[in-house]
Amino acid sequence: MLKMALFFLVISIIAGLFGFGGISSAAAGMAKILFFIAIVLFVVFLVVALLAGRSLTQ
């Protein structure tokens, strides 16, 4: 997921350098969305792992 966000960020930067503003802003928006989805998934899996680890030790 983070690889895709980085890919869209690079596409956004390259498109911005060549003057394609619409493509650049769309790719930047996709990169931002994918980044936040990755962060949310990371936090959810972290909480699940902590709860699973806690239930095993009791």
Protein backbone atom coordinates (compact mmCIF):
# COMPACT_ATOMS: atom_id res chain seq x y z
CA MET A 1 0.00 0.00 0.00
CA LEU A 2 2.81 2.37 0.85
CA LYS A 3 4.59 1.40 -2.36
CA MET A 4 1.54 2.49 -4.35
CA ALA A 5 1.40 5.77 -2.42
CA LEU A 6 5.06 6.37 -3.20
CA PHE A 7 4.45 5.49 -6.86
CA PHE A 8 1.63 8.04 -7.13
CA LEU A 9 3.77 10.63 -5.35
CA VAL A 10 6.57 10.16 -7.89
CA ILE A 11 4.08 10.35 -10.76
CA SER A 12 2.70 13.56 -9.25
CA ILE A 13 6.14 15.14 -8.99
CA ILE A 14 7.12 14.17 -12.55
CA ALA A 15 3.80 15.39 -13.97
CA GLY A 16 4.18 18.65 -12.07
CA LEU A 17 7.66 19.18 -13.49
CA PHE A 18 6.35 18.74 -17.03
CA GLY A 19 3.41 21.09 -16.43
CA PHE A 20 0.55 18.61 -16.25
CA GLY A 21 -1.26 20.18 -13.30
CA GLY A 22 -4.43 18.10 -13.48
CA ILE A 23 -2.61 14.79 -13.56
CA SER A 24 -0.27 15.99 -10.83
CA SER A 25 -3.04 16.96 -8.45
CA ALA A 26 -4.96 13.73 -9.11
CA ALA A 27 -1.90 11.60 -8.46
CA ALA A 28 -1.11 13.57 -5.30
CA GLY A 29 -4.67 13.03 -4.09
CA MET A 30 -4.41 9.30 -4.68
CA ALA A 31 -1.06 9.19 -2.88
CA LYS A 32 -2.58 10.99 0.11
CA ILE A 33 -5.58 8.65 0.25
CA LEU A 34 -3.44 5.52 0.01
CA PHE A 35 -1.06 6.83 2.68
CA PHE A 36 -3.87 7.44 5.16
CA ILE A 37 -5.43 4.05 4.43
CA ALA A 38 -2.05 2.43 5.12
CA ILE A 39 -1.72 4.32 8.41
CA VAL A 40 -5.24 3.29 9.50
CA LEU A 41 -4.55 -0.36 8.62
CA PHE A 42 -1.28 -0.23 10.53
CA VAL A 43 -3.01 1.07 13.67
CA VAL A 44 -5.82 -1.50 13.42
CA PHE A 45 -3.39 -4.40 13.02
CA LEU A 46 -1.25 -3.05 15.85
CA VAL A 47 -4.21 -2.96 18.23
CA VAL A 48 -5.33 -6.45 17.17
CA ALA A 49 -1.82 -7.83 17.70
CA LEU A 50 -1.53 -6.22 21.12
CA LEU A 51 -4.90 -7.62 22.19
CA ALA A 52 -4.06 -11.08 20.85
CA GLY A 53 -0.71 -11.05 22.63
CA ARG A 54 -2.34 -9.96 25.86
CA SER A 55 -4.93 -12.77 25.68
CA LEU A 56 -2.21 -15.38 25.18
CA THR A 57 -0.30 -14.32 28.30
CA GLN A 58 -3.29 -14.53 30.64
